[in-house]
Amino acid sequence: MTAFDIAVIGGGVIGTSIAFELADEKLRVVVVDRQRPGQEASWAAAGMLSPAPHSSRDIPLVPLGRESLRLYSEYATAICEASGRSIGYEREGTLELFFGPRAEDDRNRRVSECTRLGIAAEAVPLKTARGWENAIGRGVDAAAWLAEEGRVEPRLLMDAVIVAARHRGVEFRENCPVARLLTDRGRCRGVVAGDGTISAGFVILAAGCFSSQIGDDGQGLARYVPTRPVRGQMVALRPDGFRLERVLRSERGYLVPRRDGQIVAGSTLEEGRLDKRVTAEGIGRILDHALGLVPSLGTAEIVETWSGFRPGTPDDLPILGPAHLQGLLIATGHYRNGILLAAVTAKLVRQWVTTGRTFLNTEPFSPLRFGRPTAQAHRAG
């Protein structure tokens, strides 16, 4: 048995960012992943940094998203300095586009909602929007400007945060699936992983949609982490003769520019599909939406298609904090917001580990919301 201060289950952007943050406390940290770290939802993401809600179900998430966006410059700087690598971090804002005879009313409602939630948003004339991005299609009927939003390139981010964590002394064990937690008298003592066991003062469960598959010696973990896979298909395009500088988004889909000129278009939302096939129907739908935003993408080269599994939860909100065992913290279920929420999640877990409390109200995201515990809930420490 090997011993660490912290064992993180899951090597995606959430788990690796947590490891990077905790290593700054001079703690001995190991990240255990079922495959090579960073190859699941984080690798497949588009990279938008947007706290604006997708639907009314997302509204409880807005304060967490706003705080993470506020922290992102510090987070990005720390990773880039520690790794010596770029993550493609930009804060050029987002143009949200609207279609149809009620487009201006829809736009005005969206701006009002965002403003009420503390998100910078304003209506802009289409002439102004097309002055910024002249490829916007003539079928677009209204536009809003979300000036504080940003983006990163998730694959660059994953490479950089892994290197940065290693430079801080984090150990990675890849191709090392966790079978179960080690528990003793109401406390998590480590994990059984690969062909051995790892002892740890704290275990952080950050395994995305696979979190619900981890056992815990019959202690009832599964009900606190009811994650599910939600497949999202994506396509990368190389446009012919123009560039986008900003994210373009509508309720139909989105376009996210990369520094090399490519544009990532997405995405589908397919429930319960633990299957990484890319389908004609899915990609066709994405391309239809992309051409509605920017018709000149009709001549673009299709560079790559792929899919990934978002970690969904019953209420579409993340699962954050202590649950039913001392020494166990959960940080999973970030659904469509893992890249954005990596910064704040790492800070929150650091505070739970070091002080037992956090600077934000995380009650809406508590694992305890999914079931009444059989005994009084323990604090993390």
Protein backbone atom coordinates (compact mmCIF):
# COMPACT_ATOMS: atom_id res chain seq x y z
CA MET A 1 0.00 0.00 0.00
CA THR A 2 1.26 3.47 -0.94
CA ALA A 3 0.27 6.53 1.10
CA PHE A 4 -0.62 10.07 -0.02
CA ASP A 5 -2.26 13.07 1.56
CA ILE A 6 -4.73 13.30 -1.34
CA ALA A 7 -5.98 10.75 -3.88
CA VAL A 8 -7.96 12.21 -6.78
CA ILE A 9 -10.10 9.80 -8.79
CA GLY A 10 -10.33 11.13 -12.34
CA GLY A 11 -7.78 12.91 -14.51
CA GLY A 12 -10.02 15.30 -16.42
CA VAL A 13 -9.87 19.06 -16.10
CA ILE A 14 -11.69 19.00 -12.75
CA GLY A 15 -9.57 16.33 -11.09
CA THR A 16 -6.27 17.60 -12.47
CA SER A 17 -7.03 21.23 -11.57
CA ILE A 18 -7.86 20.11 -8.03
CA ALA A 19 -4.58 18.20 -7.85
CA PHE A 20 -2.67 21.24 -9.13
CA GLU A 21 -4.34 23.47 -6.52
CA LEU A 22 -3.79 21.10 -3.59
CA ALA A 23 -0.15 20.51 -4.51
CA ASP A 24 0.35 24.22 -3.86
CA GLU A 25 -0.32 23.38 -0.19
CA LYS A 26 2.74 21.07 -0.29
CA LEU A 27 0.49 18.02 -0.01
CA ARG A 28 1.41 14.68 -1.57
CA VAL A 29 -1.18 14.19 -4.31
CA VAL A 30 -1.87 11.29 -6.68
CA VAL A 31 -4.32 11.34 -9.60
CA VAL A 32 -5.71 7.93 -10.58
CA ASP A 33 -7.39 7.54 -13.97
CA ARG A 34 -9.02 4.63 -15.76
CA GLN A 35 -7.09 5.53 -18.93
CA ARG A 36 -4.69 8.28 -19.96
CA PRO A 37 -5.69 11.48 -18.12
CA GLY A 38 -7.61 14.14 -20.00
CA GLN A 39 -9.12 11.95 -22.71
CA GLU A 40 -12.83 12.12 -21.88
CA ALA A 41 -15.23 15.08 -21.55
CA SER A 42 -12.46 17.66 -21.09
CA TRP A 43 -10.70 16.62 -24.31
CA ALA A 44 -13.98 16.74 -26.24
CA ALA A 45 -15.22 20.14 -25.00
CA ALA A 46 -15.62 23.31 -27.05
CA GLY A 47 -14.02 25.55 -24.41
CA MET A 48 -16.58 28.35 -23.97
CA LEU A 49 -16.32 30.29 -20.71
CA SER A 50 -19.91 31.37 -20.22
CA PRO A 51 -21.83 31.65 -16.93
CA ALA A 52 -25.06 32.54 -18.75
CA PRO A 53 -27.78 29.93 -18.10
CA HIS A 54 -28.81 27.55 -20.87
CA SER A 55 -32.25 27.16 -19.25
CA SER A 56 -34.08 27.94 -16.02
CA ARG A 57 -32.58 24.76 -14.50
CA ASP A 58 -29.14 26.38 -14.73
CA ILE A 59 -29.99 29.52 -12.77
CA PRO A 60 -28.71 28.15 -9.40
CA LEU A 61 -25.36 27.61 -11.14
CA VAL A 62 -24.91 31.23 -12.22
CA PRO A 63 -23.14 32.52 -9.06
CA LEU A 64 -20.68 29.63 -9.25
CA GLY A 65 -20.08 30.27 -12.95
CA ARG A 66 -19.60 34.00 -12.44
CA GLU A 67 -17.06 33.38 -9.68
CA SER A 68 -15.17 30.87 -11.80
CA LEU A 69 -15.05 33.31 -14.71
CA ARG A 70 -13.70 35.95 -12.30
CA LEU A 71 -10.99 33.50 -11.17
CA TYR A 72 -10.07 32.35 -14.66
CA SER A 73 -7.31 34.85 -15.42
CA GLU A 74 -5.51 33.86 -12.21
CA TYR A 75 -6.11 30.16 -12.93
CA ALA A 76 -4.89 30.45 -16.54
CA THR A 77 -1.80 32.43 -15.53
CA ALA A 78 -0.85 29.90 -12.86
CA ILE A 79 -1.17 26.97 -15.25
CA CYS A 80 0.70 28.68 -18.08
CA GLU A 81 3.53 29.77 -15.79
CA ALA A 82 3.86 26.35 -14.14
CA SER A 83 3.72 24.45 -17.44
CA GLY A 84 5.37 26.87 -19.86
CA ARG A 85 2.48 26.23 -22.27
CA SER A 86 -0.40 28.19 -23.78
CA ILE A 87 -4.01 27.18 -23.18
CA GLY A 88 -5.55 29.43 -25.84
CA TYR A 89 -7.19 31.66 -23.24
CA GLU A 90 -9.08 34.62 -24.72
CA ARG A 91 -11.66 37.10 -23.40
CA GLU A 92 -13.09 38.47 -26.67
CA GLY A 93 -16.73 38.12 -25.60
CA THR A 94 -19.62 36.29 -27.24
CA LEU A 95 -22.24 37.31 -29.76
CA GLU A 96 -25.54 35.59 -29.06
CA LEU A 97 -27.72 35.52 -32.16
CA PHE A 98 -31.48 35.22 -32.57
CA PHE A 99 -33.73 34.16 -35.44
CA GLY A 100 -37.34 34.64 -36.49
CA PRO A 101 -40.12 37.23 -36.21
CA ARG A 102 -39.77 37.44 -32.40
CA ALA A 103 -35.98 37.66 -32.45
CA GLU A 104 -35.73 41.13 -30.94
CA ASP A 105 -38.17 40.25 -28.15
CA ASP A 106 -36.23 37.05 -27.45
CA ARG A 107 -32.98 39.00 -27.44
CA ASN A 108 -34.34 41.63 -25.08
CA ARG A 109 -35.60 38.97 -22.67
CA ARG A 110 -32.20 37.28 -22.74
CA VAL A 111 -30.38 40.55 -22.03
CA SER A 112 -32.78 41.32 -19.16
CA GLU A 113 -32.31 37.86 -17.68
CA CYS A 114 -28.53 38.04 -17.86
CA THR A 115 -28.45 41.55 -16.39
CA ARG A 116 -30.70 40.47 -13.51
CA LEU A 117 -28.27 37.61 -12.80
CA GLY A 118 -25.25 39.93 -12.76
CA ILE A 119 -23.95 38.92 -16.19
CA ALA A 120 -22.80 41.70 -18.51
CA ALA A 121 -25.08 41.67 -21.57
CA GLU A 122 -26.41 44.28 -23.97
CA ALA A 123 -28.43 44.45 -27.14
CA VAL A 124 -26.38 45.46 -30.16
CA PRO A 125 -27.58 46.43 -33.65
CA LEU A 126 -27.03 43.80 -36.29
CA LYS A 127 -24.94 46.32 -38.21
CA THR A 128 -22.56 46.48 -35.25
CA ALA A 129 -22.46 42.71 -34.84
CA ARG A 130 -21.68 42.26 -38.55
CA GLY A 131 -19.03 44.95 -38.30
CA TRP A 132 -17.28 42.77 -35.73
CA GLU A 133 -17.95 39.48 -37.52
CA ASN A 134 -18.86 40.08 -41.15
CA ALA A 135 -19.51 36.38 -41.82
CA ILE A 136 -22.72 36.42 -39.73
CA GLY A 137 -25.55 35.20 -41.95
CA ARG A 138 -28.32 37.38 -43.34
CA GLY A 139 -30.87 35.08 -41.73
CA VAL A 140 -29.91 36.35 -38.28
CA ASP A 141 -32.48 38.84 -36.96
CA ALA A 142 -31.07 40.14 -33.65
CA ALA A 143 -27.89 40.08 -31.59
CA ALA A 144 -26.74 40.45 -27.98
CA TRP A 145 -23.19 41.08 -26.77
CA LEU A 146 -21.85 39.28 -23.68
CA ALA A 147 -18.62 41.20 -23.30
CA GLU A 148 -17.01 39.33 -20.38
CA GLU A 149 -17.21 35.82 -21.78
CA GLY A 150 -14.14 33.98 -22.98
CA ARG A 151 -12.78 30.72 -24.25
CA VAL A 152 -9.88 28.29 -23.97
CA GLU A 153 -8.69 25.42 -26.12
CA PRO A 154 -9.51 22.37 -23.99
CA ARG A 155 -6.88 20.04 -25.40
CA LEU A 156 -4.17 22.63 -24.81
CA LEU A 157 -5.61 23.25 -21.35
CA MET A 158 -5.52 19.56 -20.46
CA ASP A 159 -1.93 19.14 -21.66
CA ALA A 160 -0.85 22.24 -19.75
CA VAL A 161 -2.58 21.48 -16.45
CA ILE A 162 -1.17 17.93 -16.41
CA VAL A 163 2.35 19.27 -16.98
CA ALA A 164 1.78 22.01 -14.38
CA ALA A 165 0.55 19.48 -11.82
CA ARG A 166 3.55 17.23 -12.44
CA HIS A 167 5.85 20.21 -11.93
CA ARG A 168 4.23 20.70 -8.53
CA GLY A 169 4.95 17.09 -7.63
CA VAL A 170 1.60 15.45 -8.43
CA GLU A 171 1.90 11.76 -9.33
CA PHE A 172 -0.30 10.36 -12.10
CA ARG A 173 -1.33 6.72 -12.39
CA GLU A 174 -2.94 6.08 -15.74
CA ASN A 175 -4.73 2.94 -16.95
CA CYS A 176 -5.46 2.34 -13.27
CA PRO A 177 -9.24 2.03 -12.76
CA VAL A 178 -10.56 2.46 -9.25
CA ALA A 179 -12.65 -0.51 -8.15
CA ARG A 180 -13.82 0.87 -4.82
CA LEU A 181 -13.14 3.16 -1.92
CA LEU A 182 -11.44 1.91 1.22
CA THR A 183 -13.67 2.69 4.18
CA ASP A 184 -13.41 2.11 7.90
CA ARG A 185 -15.91 3.17 10.58
CA GLY A 186 -17.47 6.00 8.62
CA ARG A 187 -14.29 7.32 7.06
CA CYS A 188 -12.79 6.99 3.60
CA ARG A 189 -9.20 5.80 3.96
CA GLY A 190 -8.14 5.47 0.31
CA VAL A 191 -8.90 3.50 -2.85
CA VAL A 192 -8.43 0.09 -4.39
CA ALA A 193 -7.02 0.84 -7.84
CA GLY A 194 -5.30 -1.27 -10.46
CA ASP A 195 -3.59 -4.16 -8.71
CA GLY A 196 -3.03 -2.38 -5.40
CA THR A 197 -4.34 0.00 -2.77
CA ILE A 198 -3.64 3.66 -2.10
CA SER A 199 -4.00 5.13 1.37
CA ALA A 200 -5.02 8.81 1.54
CA GLY A 201 -6.07 11.36 4.11
CA PHE A 202 -8.66 12.69 1.63
CA VAL A 203 -10.15 11.09 -1.46
CA ILE A 204 -11.59 13.42 -4.13
CA LEU A 205 -14.08 11.75 -6.48
CA ALA A 206 -13.89 13.62 -9.80
CA ALA A 207 -14.50 10.86 -12.35
CA GLY A 208 -17.12 12.61 -14.47
CA CYS A 209 -19.89 10.39 -15.83
CA PHE A 210 -18.03 7.34 -14.50
CA SER A 211 -18.29 8.52 -10.87
CA SER A 212 -21.40 6.45 -10.25
CA GLN A 213 -19.46 3.28 -11.07
CA ILE A 214 -17.12 3.53 -8.07
CA GLY A 215 -17.95 1.17 -5.17
CA ASP A 216 -17.53 1.93 -1.48
CA ASP A 217 -17.80 -1.29 0.55
CA GLY A 218 -21.58 -1.11 0.68
CA GLN A 219 -21.67 2.40 2.19
CA GLY A 220 -24.17 3.75 -0.36
CA LEU A 221 -21.97 6.02 -2.48
CA ALA A 222 -23.97 5.56 -5.69
CA ARG A 223 -26.97 7.53 -4.48
CA TYR A 224 -24.80 10.59 -3.83
CA VAL A 225 -23.22 10.55 -7.31
CA PRO A 226 -26.04 9.72 -9.76
CA THR A 227 -24.03 10.74 -12.83
CA ARG A 228 -24.95 9.68 -16.34
CA PRO A 229 -23.30 10.02 -19.76
CA VAL A 230 -24.73 12.61 -22.16
CA ARG A 231 -23.07 12.26 -25.53
CA GLY A 232 -22.09 15.37 -27.46
CA GLN A 233 -20.88 15.23 -31.05
CA MET A 234 -18.60 17.94 -32.45
CA VAL A 235 -17.00 19.01 -35.72
CA ALA A 236 -13.96 21.16 -36.49
CA LEU A 237 -14.03 23.25 -39.67
CA ARG A 238 -11.34 25.16 -41.55
CA PRO A 239 -13.09 28.12 -43.20
CA ASP A 240 -12.23 29.33 -46.66
CA GLY A 241 -11.03 32.94 -46.67
CA PHE A 242 -12.22 34.33 -43.33
CA ARG A 243 -11.70 34.06 -39.58
CA LEU A 244 -13.92 34.37 -36.57
CA GLU A 245 -12.59 36.35 -33.62
CA ARG A 246 -15.46 35.74 -31.21
CA VAL A 247 -17.77 32.95 -30.15
CA LEU A 248 -21.10 32.96 -32.01
CA ARG A 249 -23.96 31.24 -30.21
CA SER A 250 -27.68 30.69 -30.58
CA GLU A 251 -30.21 28.27 -29.16
CA ARG A 252 -29.47 26.18 -32.26
CA GLY A 253 -25.73 25.72 -31.71
CA TYR A 254 -22.41 27.51 -31.42
CA LEU A 255 -19.17 28.30 -33.23
CA VAL A 256 -15.94 28.64 -31.24
CA PRO A 257 -12.84 29.99 -33.03
CA ARG A 258 -9.37 28.56 -32.45
CA ARG A 259 -6.12 30.48 -32.71
CA ASP A 260 -5.08 28.49 -35.78
CA GLY A 261 -8.19 29.68 -37.64
CA GLN A 262 -10.25 26.53 -37.25
CA ILE A 263 -13.80 26.77 -35.92
CA VAL A 264 -15.34 24.21 -33.59
CA ALA A 265 -19.07 23.69 -34.13
CA GLY A 266 -21.40 21.89 -31.77
CA SER A 267 -23.12 20.16 -30.29
CA THR A 268 -25.64 17.38 -29.76
CA LEU A 269 -27.20 16.35 -26.44
CA GLU A 270 -27.83 12.59 -26.52
CA GLU A 271 -28.93 10.90 -23.32
CA GLY A 272 -27.62 7.57 -22.09
CA ARG A 273 -25.24 6.83 -24.94
CA LEU A 274 -21.96 5.41 -23.72
CA ASP A 275 -20.88 5.12 -27.33
CA LYS A 276 -18.38 7.41 -29.04
CA ARG A 277 -19.58 6.89 -32.57
CA VAL A 278 -20.11 10.02 -34.63
CA THR A 279 -23.34 9.85 -36.64
CA ALA A 280 -24.50 11.36 -39.89
CA GLU A 281 -27.62 12.67 -38.17
CA GLY A 282 -25.68 14.33 -35.35
CA ILE A 283 -23.06 15.95 -37.55
CA GLY A 284 -25.71 16.93 -40.08
CA ARG A 285 -27.68 18.75 -37.42
CA ILE A 286 -24.57 20.57 -36.19
CA LEU A 287 -23.65 21.64 -39.73
CA ASP A 288 -27.18 22.89 -40.42
CA HIS A 289 -26.98 25.08 -37.33
CA ALA A 290 -23.48 26.26 -38.19
CA LEU A 291 -24.56 27.32 -41.69
CA GLY A 292 -27.50 29.19 -40.20
CA LEU A 293 -25.04 31.27 -38.18
CA VAL A 294 -22.37 31.60 -40.88
CA PRO A 295 -23.49 30.47 -44.36
CA SER A 296 -20.00 30.83 -45.83
CA LEU A 297 -18.95 27.81 -43.79
CA GLY A 298 -20.59 25.83 -46.58
CA THR A 299 -17.22 25.75 -48.35
CA ALA A 300 -15.22 24.99 -45.20
CA GLU A 301 -13.12 21.85 -44.92
CA ILE A 302 -14.24 19.33 -42.31
CA VAL A 303 -11.02 18.75 -40.38
CA GLU A 304 -12.21 16.46 -37.60
CA THR A 305 -15.30 14.99 -35.97
CA TRP A 306 -15.51 13.53 -32.47
CA SER A 307 -17.76 12.95 -29.50
CA GLY A 308 -17.52 12.89 -25.71
CA PHE A 309 -19.58 12.15 -22.63
CA ARG A 310 -20.75 15.03 -20.48
CA PRO A 311 -21.35 14.02 -16.86
CA GLY A 312 -25.03 14.73 -16.35
CA THR A 313 -26.96 14.68 -13.06
CA PRO A 314 -30.70 14.48 -12.33
CA ASP A 315 -31.00 18.26 -11.93
CA ASP A 316 -28.20 19.21 -14.37
CA LEU A 317 -26.19 20.77 -11.51
CA PRO A 318 -22.73 19.70 -10.34
CA ILE A 319 -22.15 17.57 -7.26
CA LEU A 320 -19.73 19.34 -4.94
CA GLY A 321 -18.67 18.79 -1.37
CA PRO A 322 -18.64 16.26 1.47
CA ALA A 323 -21.17 13.43 1.49
CA HIS A 324 -21.64 10.49 3.81
CA LEU A 325 -18.03 9.59 4.70
CA GLN A 326 -15.39 11.63 6.44
CA GLY A 327 -12.34 12.14 4.25
CA LEU A 328 -14.37 11.94 1.02
CA LEU A 329 -15.09 14.95 -1.18
CA ILE A 330 -17.08 14.84 -4.39
CA ALA A 331 -16.44 17.12 -7.37
CA THR A 332 -18.28 15.75 -10.37
CA GLY A 333 -21.36 16.13 -12.56
CA HIS A 334 -20.32 19.44 -14.15
CA TYR A 335 -22.32 18.55 -17.28
CA ARG A 336 -21.75 21.27 -19.92
CA ASN A 337 -19.65 23.51 -17.67
CA GLY A 338 -16.56 21.57 -16.64
CA ILE A 339 -14.06 23.78 -18.43
CA LEU A 340 -15.60 26.96 -16.99
CA LEU A 341 -16.01 25.58 -13.46
CA ALA A 342 -12.54 24.06 -13.14
CA ALA A 343 -11.12 27.23 -11.59
CA VAL A 344 -13.72 27.64 -8.84
CA THR A 345 -14.03 23.91 -8.15
CA ALA A 346 -10.29 23.65 -7.47
CA LYS A 347 -10.49 26.59 -5.04
CA LEU A 348 -13.51 25.14 -3.24
CA VAL A 349 -11.91 21.73 -2.78
CA ARG A 350 -8.73 23.34 -1.49
CA GLN A 351 -10.79 25.18 1.13
CA TRP A 352 -12.74 22.07 2.14
CA VAL A 353 -9.48 20.17 2.62
CA THR A 354 -7.59 22.92 4.47
CA THR A 355 -10.33 24.63 6.50
CA GLY A 356 -13.50 22.51 6.29
CA ARG A 357 -15.51 25.45 4.93
CA THR A 358 -15.83 27.43 1.70
CA PHE A 359 -16.16 31.06 0.64
CA LEU A 360 -19.28 30.36 -1.47
CA ASN A 361 -22.65 28.88 -0.64
CA THR A 362 -22.43 25.38 -2.13
CA GLU A 363 -25.60 23.98 -0.58
CA PRO A 364 -27.43 23.73 -3.95
CA PHE A 365 -24.68 21.38 -5.15
CA SER A 366 -24.29 19.20 -2.07
CA PRO A 367 -24.25 15.43 -2.67
CA LEU A 368 -26.70 15.15 0.22
CA ARG A 369 -29.49 16.59 -1.93
CA PHE A 370 -29.92 13.22 -3.66
CA GLY A 371 -30.85 11.23 -0.60
CA ARG A 372 -31.26 11.39 3.11
CA PRO A 373 -28.12 9.91 4.67
CA THR A 374 -28.45 6.94 6.99
CA ALA A 375 -26.50 8.76 9.66
CA GLN A 376 -25.71 12.36 10.45
CA ALA A 377 -23.59 13.86 7.68
CA HIS A 378 -19.96 14.32 8.55
CA ARG A 379 -17.93 17.36 7.76
CA ALA A 380 -15.09 16.84 5.31
CA GLY A 381 -12.33 17.10 7.89
